[in-house]
N, C-alpha and C. Protein backbone atom coordinates (compact mmCIF):
# COMPACT_ATOMS: atom_id res chain seq x y z
N MET A 1 0.61 -1.23 0.01
CA MET A 1 0.24 0.08 -0.39
C MET A 1 0.65 1.25 0.35
N ILE A 2 2.05 1.27 0.58
CA ILE A 2 2.94 2.31 0.57
C ILE A 2 3.14 2.20 -0.46
N MET A 3 3.83 1.16 -1.39
CA MET A 3 4.66 2.10 -2.22
C MET A 3 3.33 2.28 -3.55
N SER A 4 2.61 2.12 -3.14
CA SER A 4 1.54 2.62 -4.56
C SER A 4 1.38 3.83 -4.41
N VAL A 5 0.69 4.06 -2.56
CA VAL A 5 0.62 5.88 -2.59
C VAL A 5 1.70 6.06 -2.84
N LEU A 6 3.08 6.37 -2.89
CA LEU A 6 4.65 6.45 -3.49
C LEU A 6 4.39 6.74 -4.82
N LEU A 7 4.29 5.47 -5.52
CA LEU A 7 4.22 5.48 -7.06
C LEU A 7 3.12 6.44 -7.66
N TYR A 8 2.09 6.58 -7.02
CA TYR A 8 0.83 7.82 -7.16
C TYR A 8 1.54 9.21 -7.17
N PHE A 9 1.66 9.37 -5.80
CA PHE A 9 2.71 10.37 -5.84
C PHE A 9 3.70 11.28 -6.36
N GLY A 10 4.31 10.59 -6.79
CA GLY A 10 5.55 10.50 -7.58
C GLY A 10 5.26 10.53 -9.07
N LEU A 11 4.13 9.65 -9.49
CA LEU A 11 3.89 10.04 -10.94
C LEU A 11 3.32 11.64 -11.39
N LEU A 12 2.59 12.04 -10.47
CA LEU A 12 1.94 13.03 -10.09
C LEU A 12 2.85 14.52 -9.81
N LEU A 13 3.74 13.97 -9.18
CA LEU A 13 4.51 15.27 -9.43
C LEU A 13 6.52 15.03 -10.39
N THR A 14 6.46 14.04 -11.15
CA THR A 14 6.89 13.93 -11.89
C THR A 14 6.23 14.30 -13.62
N ARG A 15 4.87 14.79 -13.19
CA ARG A 15 4.10 15.00 -14.53
C ARG A 15 3.29 16.55 -14.52
N LEU A 16 3.22 16.74 -12.96
CA LEU A 16 2.45 18.18 -12.64
C LEU A 16 3.56 18.79 -11.96
N SER A 17 3.50 20.17 -11.96
CA SER A 17 4.21 21.22 -11.00
C SER A 17 3.23 20.90 -9.52
N ILE A 18 4.21 21.74 -9.00
CA ILE A 18 3.74 21.20 -7.30
C ILE A 18 1.83 21.28 -6.96
N TRP A 19 1.73 22.41 -7.38
CA TRP A 19 0.29 23.22 -7.17
C TRP A 19 -0.37 22.52 -7.65
N GLN A 20 -0.19 22.26 -9.30
CA GLN A 20 -1.13 21.26 -10.03
C GLN A 20 -1.34 19.68 -9.76
N ALA A 21 0.06 18.82 -9.08
CA ALA A 21 -0.32 17.78 -8.68
C ALA A 21 -1.40 18.17 -7.22
N VAL A 22 -1.42 18.82 -6.16
CA VAL A 22 -2.32 19.55 -5.10
C VAL A 22 -3.60 20.17 -5.73
N VAL A 23 -3.85 20.34 -7.06
CA VAL A 23 -4.90 20.79 -7.25
C VAL A 23 -5.70 19.52 -7.90
N PHE A 24 -4.94 18.23 -8.34
CA PHE A 24 -5.07 17.42 -9.22
C PHE A 24 -5.52 16.20 -8.21
N PHE A 25 -5.03 16.30 -7.08
CA PHE A 25 -5.22 15.55 -6.11
C PHE A 25 -6.75 15.92 -5.77
N PHE A 26 -6.66 17.15 -4.90
CA PHE A 26 -7.65 17.03 -3.97
C PHE A 26 -8.89 16.84 -5.58
N ILE A 27 -9.48 17.58 -6.08
CA ILE A 27 -9.76 17.06 -6.68
C ILE A 27 -10.30 15.90 -7.34
N GLN A 28 -9.77 14.86 -7.78
CA GLN A 28 -9.64 13.86 -7.83
C GLN A 28 -10.42 13.04 -6.46
N GLN A 29 -10.12 13.41 -5.31
CA GLN A 29 -10.40 12.74 -4.16
C GLN A 29 -11.85 13.83 -4.01
N MET A 30 -12.23 14.71 -4.13
CA MET A 30 -13.12 14.71 -4.22
C MET A 30 -14.21 14.16 -4.97
N LEU A 31 -14.09 13.88 -6.43
CA LEU A 31 -14.63 13.17 -7.48
C LEU A 31 -15.19 11.75 -7.03
N PHE A 32 -13.63 11.32 -6.42
CA PHE A 32 -13.87 9.97 -5.88
C PHE A 32 -14.70 9.79 -5.27
N GLY A 33 -14.85 10.59 -3.81
CA GLY A 33 -15.36 10.62 -3.11
C GLY A 33 -17.22 10.58 -3.03
N LEU A 34 -17.59 11.81 -4.22
CA LEU A 34 -19.06 12.02 -4.82
C LEU A 34 -19.18 10.14 -5.54
N TYR A 35 -18.53 9.60 -6.11
CA TYR A 35 -18.55 8.09 -6.72
C TYR A 35 -19.01 7.00 -5.63
N MET A 36 -17.95 7.62 -4.55
CA MET A 36 -18.49 6.49 -3.46
C MET A 36 -19.49 6.69 -3.44
N GLY A 37 -19.90 7.52 -2.64
CA GLY A 37 -21.24 7.96 -1.97
C GLY A 37 -22.22 7.80 -2.86
N SER A 38 -22.02 7.95 -4.34
CA SER A 38 -23.46 7.28 -5.09
C SER A 38 -23.75 5.81 -4.90
N ILE A 39 -22.64 5.50 -4.57
CA ILE A 39 -22.68 3.60 -4.91
C ILE A 39 -23.16 3.25 -3.28
N PHE A 40 -22.73 3.66 -2.18
CA PHE A 40 -23.12 2.75 -0.94
C PHE A 40 -23.95 4.01 -0.08
N ALA A 41 -24.90 4.93 -0.54
CA ALA A 41 -25.73 5.91 -0.56
C ALA A 41 -26.86 4.92 -1.06
N SER A 42 -26.74 5.14 -1.40
CA SER A 42 -28.17 4.46 -2.13
C SER A 42 -28.44 2.68 -2.15
N ASN A 43 -27.50 2.29 -1.38
CA ASN A 43 -27.47 0.74 -0.97
C ASN A 43 -27.93 0.77 0.16
N HIS A 44 -27.78 1.77 0.99
CA HIS A 44 -27.64 1.68 2.97
C HIS A 44 -28.89 2.07 3.66
N LYS A 45 -28.54 3.62 2.95
CA LYS A 45 -29.55 4.44 3.29
C LYS A 45 -30.64 4.63 3.31
N GLY A 46 -31.70 4.61 4.52
CA GLY A 46 -32.91 4.47 5.05
C GLY A 46 -33.41 2.94 4.89
N MET A 47 -32.44 2.45 5.18
CA MET A 47 -32.94 0.82 5.79
C MET A 47 -33.15 0.70 7.15
N LEU A 48 -33.55 -0.56 7.37
CA LEU A 48 -33.58 -0.89 8.27
C LEU A 48 -31.71 -0.73 9.11
N ILE A 49 -32.01 -0.05 10.50
CA ILE A 49 -30.89 -0.21 11.40
C ILE A 49 -31.25 -1.34 12.86
N LEU A 50 -30.32 -1.87 12.92
CA LEU A 50 -30.70 -2.89 14.15
C LEU A 50 -29.13 -2.29 14.88
N ASP A 51 -29.24 -2.67 16.52
CA ASP A 51 -28.70 -2.40 17.16
C ASP A 51 -28.06 -3.74 17.43
N LYS A 52 -26.79 -3.42 18.28
CA LYS A 52 -25.72 -4.80 18.46
C LYS A 52 -26.50 -6.22 19.44
N GLU A 53 -27.13 -5.71 19.90
CA GLU A 53 -28.41 -6.73 21.16
C GLU A 53 -29.24 -7.86 20.31
N SER A 54 -29.83 -7.29 18.56
CA SER A 54 -30.60 -7.79 17.90
C SER A 54 -30.90 -9.16 17.99
N GLN A 55 -31.43 -10.20 18.12
CA GLN A 55 -31.45 -10.87 17.73
C GLN A 55 -32.00 -11.88 16.50
N MET A 56 -32.05 -11.09 15.54
CA MET A 56 -32.59 -11.09 13.99
C MET A 56 -31.20 -12.04 13.46
N ASP A 57 -31.90 -13.05 12.28
CA ASP A 57 -31.06 -14.35 12.15
C ASP A 57 -29.89 -13.19 10.81
N PHE A 58 -28.91 -14.33 10.97
CA PHE A 58 -28.04 -13.62 9.50
C PHE A 58 -28.71 -13.37 8.09
N LEU A 59 -29.32 -14.48 7.49
CA LEU A 59 -30.30 -14.30 6.28
C LEU A 59 -30.81 -12.80 6.19
N ARG A 60 -31.78 -12.67 7.49
CA ARG A 60 -32.42 -11.70 7.87
C ARG A 60 -31.94 -10.01 8.47
N ARG A 61 -30.97 -10.01 8.51
CA ARG A 61 -29.58 -9.05 8.72
C ARG A 61 -29.15 -9.08 7.77
N GLN A 62 -28.81 -9.21 6.63
CA GLN A 62 -28.28 -8.84 5.89
C GLN A 62 -29.73 -8.72 4.85
N VAL A 63 -30.17 -9.30 4.20
CA VAL A 63 -31.49 -9.01 3.67
C VAL A 63 -31.67 -7.23 3.83
N LEU A 64 -32.95 -7.26 5.19
CA LEU A 64 -33.36 -6.45 4.98
C LEU A 64 -32.30 -4.52 5.49
N THR A 65 -31.36 -5.23 5.97
CA THR A 65 -30.72 -3.94 5.83
C THR A 65 -30.05 -3.22 5.03
N ALA A 66 -30.24 -4.14 4.00
CA ALA A 66 -29.67 -3.61 2.09
C ALA A 66 -30.60 -3.24 1.12
N ARG A 67 -30.06 -2.65 0.06
CA ARG A 67 -31.46 -2.85 -0.91
C ARG A 67 -30.26 -2.98 -2.74
N ASN A 68 -30.84 -3.70 -3.12
CA ASN A 68 -30.18 -3.59 -4.36
C ASN A 68 -30.88 -2.65 -5.53
N ILE A 69 -29.78 -2.17 -6.36
CA ILE A 69 -30.41 -1.94 -7.58
C ILE A 69 -30.20 -2.16 -8.59
N LYS A 70 -32.10 -1.91 -9.60
CA LYS A 70 -32.16 -3.01 -10.74
C LYS A 70 -30.77 -2.75 -11.60
N ALA A 71 -30.74 -4.16 -12.69
CA ALA A 71 -29.31 -3.78 -12.87
C ALA A 71 -29.38 -3.47 -14.68
N SER A 72 -28.56 -3.06 -15.19
CA SER A 72 -28.47 -2.59 -16.25
C SER A 72 -27.18 -3.06 -16.63
N LEU A 73 -26.46 -3.02 -17.77
CA LEU A 73 -25.03 -2.89 -18.42
C LEU A 73 -23.95 -1.74 -17.72
N PHE A 74 -25.06 -0.71 -17.92
CA PHE A 74 -24.62 0.64 -17.34
C PHE A 74 -24.53 0.88 -15.54
N ILE A 75 -25.35 0.05 -15.21
CA ILE A 75 -25.80 0.07 -13.73
C ILE A 75 -24.50 -1.08 -12.69
N ASP A 76 -24.21 -2.07 -14.11
CA ASP A 76 -23.34 -3.21 -13.63
C ASP A 76 -22.00 -2.47 -13.63
N PHE A 77 -21.81 -1.88 -14.69
CA PHE A 77 -20.49 -1.41 -14.75
C PHE A 77 -20.20 -0.02 -14.01
N TRP A 78 -20.89 0.76 -13.62
CA TRP A 78 -21.50 2.03 -12.28
C TRP A 78 -21.07 1.38 -11.37
N TYR A 79 -21.46 0.54 -10.84
CA TYR A 79 -21.56 0.03 -9.21
C TYR A 79 -20.72 -1.39 -9.71
N GLY A 80 -20.00 -1.66 -9.76
CA GLY A 80 -18.92 -2.73 -10.08
C GLY A 80 -19.51 -3.98 -9.46
N GLY A 81 -20.87 -4.08 -9.81
CA GLY A 81 -21.20 -5.37 -9.17
C GLY A 81 -22.12 -5.39 -7.68
N LEU A 82 -21.52 -4.33 -7.05
CA LEU A 82 -22.16 -3.84 -5.80
C LEU A 82 -23.62 -3.45 -5.78
N ASN A 83 -24.15 -3.56 -6.77
CA ASN A 83 -25.83 -2.71 -7.27
C ASN A 83 -26.55 -4.20 -6.62
N TYR A 84 -25.32 -5.52 -6.65
CA TYR A 84 -25.97 -6.44 -5.70
C TYR A 84 -26.11 -6.70 -4.86
N GLN A 85 -26.11 -5.67 -3.52
CA GLN A 85 -25.87 -5.50 -2.39
C GLN A 85 -26.03 -6.87 -1.50
N ILE A 86 -27.08 -7.08 -1.62
CA ILE A 86 -27.86 -8.18 -0.81
C ILE A 86 -27.34 -8.88 -0.84
N GLU A 87 -26.79 -9.65 -1.85
CA GLU A 87 -26.27 -10.89 -2.63
C GLU A 87 -25.09 -11.25 -1.92
N HIS A 88 -24.11 -9.63 -1.99
CA HIS A 88 -22.66 -8.99 -1.68
C HIS A 88 -22.25 -9.11 0.04
N HIS A 89 -23.05 -9.08 0.48
CA HIS A 89 -23.57 -9.37 2.20
C HIS A 89 -23.62 -10.26 2.63
N LEU A 90 -24.29 -11.71 1.59
CA LEU A 90 -24.65 -13.04 2.46
C LEU A 90 -23.69 -13.69 2.28
N PHE A 91 -22.85 -13.46 0.93
CA PHE A 91 -21.82 -13.77 0.00
C PHE A 91 -20.27 -12.76 -0.43
N PRO A 92 -19.88 -12.56 0.55
CA PRO A 92 -18.69 -11.25 0.80
C PRO A 92 -17.87 -12.03 -0.41
N SER A 93 -17.47 -12.80 -0.26
CA SER A 93 -15.99 -13.82 -1.23
C SER A 93 -16.47 -13.90 -2.02
N MET A 94 -18.02 -13.71 -2.76
CA MET A 94 -18.03 -13.97 -4.16
C MET A 94 -17.72 -13.67 -5.11
N ALA A 95 -17.38 -13.93 -6.21
CA ALA A 95 -17.05 -12.82 -7.27
C ALA A 95 -18.10 -12.24 -7.84
N ARG A 96 -17.81 -10.68 -7.65
CA ARG A 96 -18.67 -10.35 -8.40
C ARG A 96 -19.69 -10.05 -9.55
N ASN A 97 -18.74 -10.93 -10.72
CA ASN A 97 -19.29 -11.60 -12.07
C ASN A 97 -20.66 -12.24 -11.46
N LYS A 98 -20.70 -13.22 -10.47
CA LYS A 98 -21.56 -13.97 -10.01
C LYS A 98 -22.56 -13.60 -9.68
N LEU A 99 -22.36 -12.66 -8.92
CA LEU A 99 -23.37 -11.88 -7.64
C LEU A 99 -24.83 -11.85 -8.20
N LYS A 100 -25.22 -11.90 -9.92
CA LYS A 100 -26.29 -11.39 -10.72
C LYS A 100 -27.14 -12.72 -10.44
N GLU A 101 -26.23 -13.89 -11.08
CA GLU A 101 -26.88 -15.32 -11.10
C GLU A 101 -27.40 -15.94 -9.66
N ALA A 102 -26.49 -15.38 -8.43
CA ALA A 102 -27.06 -15.57 -6.99
C ALA A 102 -27.76 -14.94 -6.80
N GLN A 103 -28.49 -13.70 -7.30
CA GLN A 103 -29.37 -12.81 -7.53
C GLN A 103 -31.06 -13.34 -7.31
N GLN A 104 -30.82 -14.41 -8.35
CA GLN A 104 -31.88 -15.50 -8.84
C GLN A 104 -32.44 -16.24 -7.87
N ILE A 105 -31.48 -16.87 -6.87
CA ILE A 105 -31.54 -17.29 -6.29
C ILE A 105 -32.09 -17.41 -4.83
N VAL A 106 -31.10 -16.16 -4.53
CA VAL A 106 -32.20 -14.81 -3.49
C VAL A 106 -33.38 -14.66 -3.59
N LYS A 107 -33.22 -13.88 -4.31
CA LYS A 107 -34.88 -13.73 -4.32
C LYS A 107 -35.68 -14.83 -4.03
N SER A 108 -35.71 -15.90 -5.12
CA SER A 108 -36.56 -16.99 -4.70
C SER A 108 -36.90 -17.18 -3.61
N PHE A 109 -35.82 -17.97 -2.77
CA PHE A 109 -35.26 -18.27 -1.21
C PHE A 109 -36.45 -17.26 -0.32
N CYS A 110 -36.16 -15.88 -0.57
CA CYS A 110 -36.89 -14.81 0.62
C CYS A 110 -38.24 -14.92 0.23
N ARG A 111 -38.95 -14.88 -0.93
CA ARG A 111 -39.79 -14.84 -1.43
C ARG A 111 -40.34 -16.02 -0.45
N THR A 112 -39.67 -17.56 -0.95
CA THR A 112 -40.37 -18.70 -0.20
C THR A 112 -40.50 -18.83 1.08
N HIS A 113 -39.61 -18.16 1.42
CA HIS A 113 -39.50 -17.46 3.08
C HIS A 113 -40.73 -16.40 3.96
N SER A 114 -40.76 -15.77 3.03
CA SER A 114 -41.47 -14.43 3.27
C SER A 114 -40.82 -13.38 3.79
N VAL A 115 -39.37 -13.17 3.31
CA VAL A 115 -38.62 -12.40 3.39
C VAL A 115 -38.77 -11.55 2.84
N LEU A 116 -38.83 -10.09 3.22
CA LEU A 116 -38.50 -9.25 2.11
C LEU A 116 -37.50 -8.29 1.42
N TYR A 117 -37.39 -8.48 -0.06
CA TYR A 117 -36.16 -8.32 -0.59
C TYR A 117 -36.60 -6.83 -1.28
N CYS A 118 -35.58 -5.89 -0.95
CA CYS A 118 -35.98 -4.95 -1.22
C CYS A 118 -34.96 -4.29 -2.62
N GLU A 119 -35.72 -4.43 -3.93
CA GLU A 119 -34.75 -4.06 -5.04
C GLU A 119 -35.46 -2.78 -6.05
N THR A 120 -35.11 -2.08 -6.10
CA THR A 120 -35.13 -0.69 -6.56
C THR A 120 -34.54 -0.07 -8.03
N THR A 121 -35.02 1.38 -8.60
CA THR A 121 -34.00 2.38 -9.60
C THR A 121 -33.14 2.84 -8.84
N VAL A 122 -32.06 3.81 -9.85
CA VAL A 122 -31.66 4.60 -8.79
C VAL A 122 -31.99 5.28 -8.61
N PRO A 123 -33.17 6.48 -9.45
CA PRO A 123 -33.91 7.00 -9.23
C PRO A 123 -34.37 7.25 -7.33
N GLN A 124 -34.97 5.76 -7.91
CA GLN A 124 -36.18 5.44 -6.70
C GLN A 124 -35.06 5.34 -5.16
N SER A 125 -33.87 4.79 -5.87
CA SER A 125 -33.22 4.54 -4.03
C SER A 125 -32.47 6.27 -3.60
N PHE A 126 -32.54 6.90 -4.54
CA PHE A 126 -32.58 8.31 -4.30
C PHE A 126 -33.20 8.52 -3.23
N ARG A 127 -34.52 9.30 -4.44
CA ARG A 127 -35.51 9.53 -3.50
C ARG A 127 -36.09 8.89 -2.05
N GLU A 128 -35.57 7.72 -1.65
CA GLU A 128 -35.75 6.83 -0.07
C GLU A 128 -35.10 7.33 0.41
N VAL A 129 -33.53 7.48 0.09
CA VAL A 129 -31.72 7.62 0.81
C VAL A 129 -32.58 10.03 1.17
N HIS A 130 -33.06 10.45 0.29
CA HIS A 130 -33.59 11.99 0.74
C HIS A 130 -34.25 11.98 1.69
N GLN A 131 -35.23 10.98 1.82
CA GLN A 131 -36.92 11.04 2.42
C GLN A 131 -36.50 10.78 4.10
N PHE A 132 -35.51 9.40 4.13
CA PHE A 132 -34.60 8.76 5.53
C PHE A 132 -33.97 10.19 5.74
N LEU A 133 -32.97 10.95 4.42
CA LEU A 133 -32.47 11.91 5.73
C LEU A 133 -33.00 13.26 6.02
N HIS A 134 -34.58 13.57 4.95
CA HIS A 134 -34.74 14.45 5.59
C HIS A 134 -35.82 14.36 6.83
N GLY A 135 -36.46 12.78 6.91
CA GLY A 135 -36.94 12.58 8.47
C GLY A 135 -36.05 12.92 9.45
N ILE A 136 -34.87 12.59 9.60
CA ILE A 136 -33.61 12.58 10.38
C ILE A 136 -33.57 14.10 11.21
N GLY A 137 -33.96 14.87 10.20
CA GLY A 137 -32.90 15.99 9.73
C GLY A 137 -34.11 17.22 10.65
N ILE A 138 -34.92 16.31 10.58
CA ILE A 138 -36.75 17.45 10.99
C ILE A 138 -36.46 17.70 12.75
N SER A 139 -35.87 16.81 13.35
CA SER A 139 -35.93 17.30 14.63
C SER A 139 -34.57 17.93 14.23
N LEU A 140 -33.51 18.49 14.13
CA LEU A 140 -32.48 19.10 13.92
C LEU A 140 -32.71 20.79 13.64
N ARG A 141 -33.90 20.77 12.29
CA ARG A 141 -34.63 21.76 12.18
C ARG A 141 -34.99 22.71 12.99
N LYS A 142 -35.89 21.64 14.50
CA LYS A 142 -36.85 22.47 14.87
C LYS A 142 -35.95 23.16 16.00
N VAL A 143 -34.91 22.19 16.27
CA VAL A 143 -33.46 23.23 17.61
C VAL A 143 -33.90 24.66 17.24
N SER A 144 -32.95 24.65 15.68
CA SER A 144 -32.62 26.28 15.45
C SER A 144 -33.42 27.24 15.32
């Protein structure tokens, strides 16, 4: 990891001036943060939050605390397979290109055992995230 950081900054500093490298680094980090936020927020925010003492079984804990994003070629590329968040939580070591196949099995299993399986579109997931954040922010807005 240290070598990759040294190579990254070495490449920046050999190709750009110090100020260009600093600006590039900060812009790259901001864009990467937005990208990562677009992936992780849509999969988790607004979903069930469990406390540590919860006695919920492993399957329900993983399925009810995450949502999947409906797949397409672009979505699979953009999310890198993490649009199959439920399957990723159930099978964290499974190759990402196999999660889509696992999804059919998991959905069927959840349907058979009456476990709510959440799959939605990107716009709908961000509406749900916005509604959740708006709801928890109400108490803060009333205080000010």
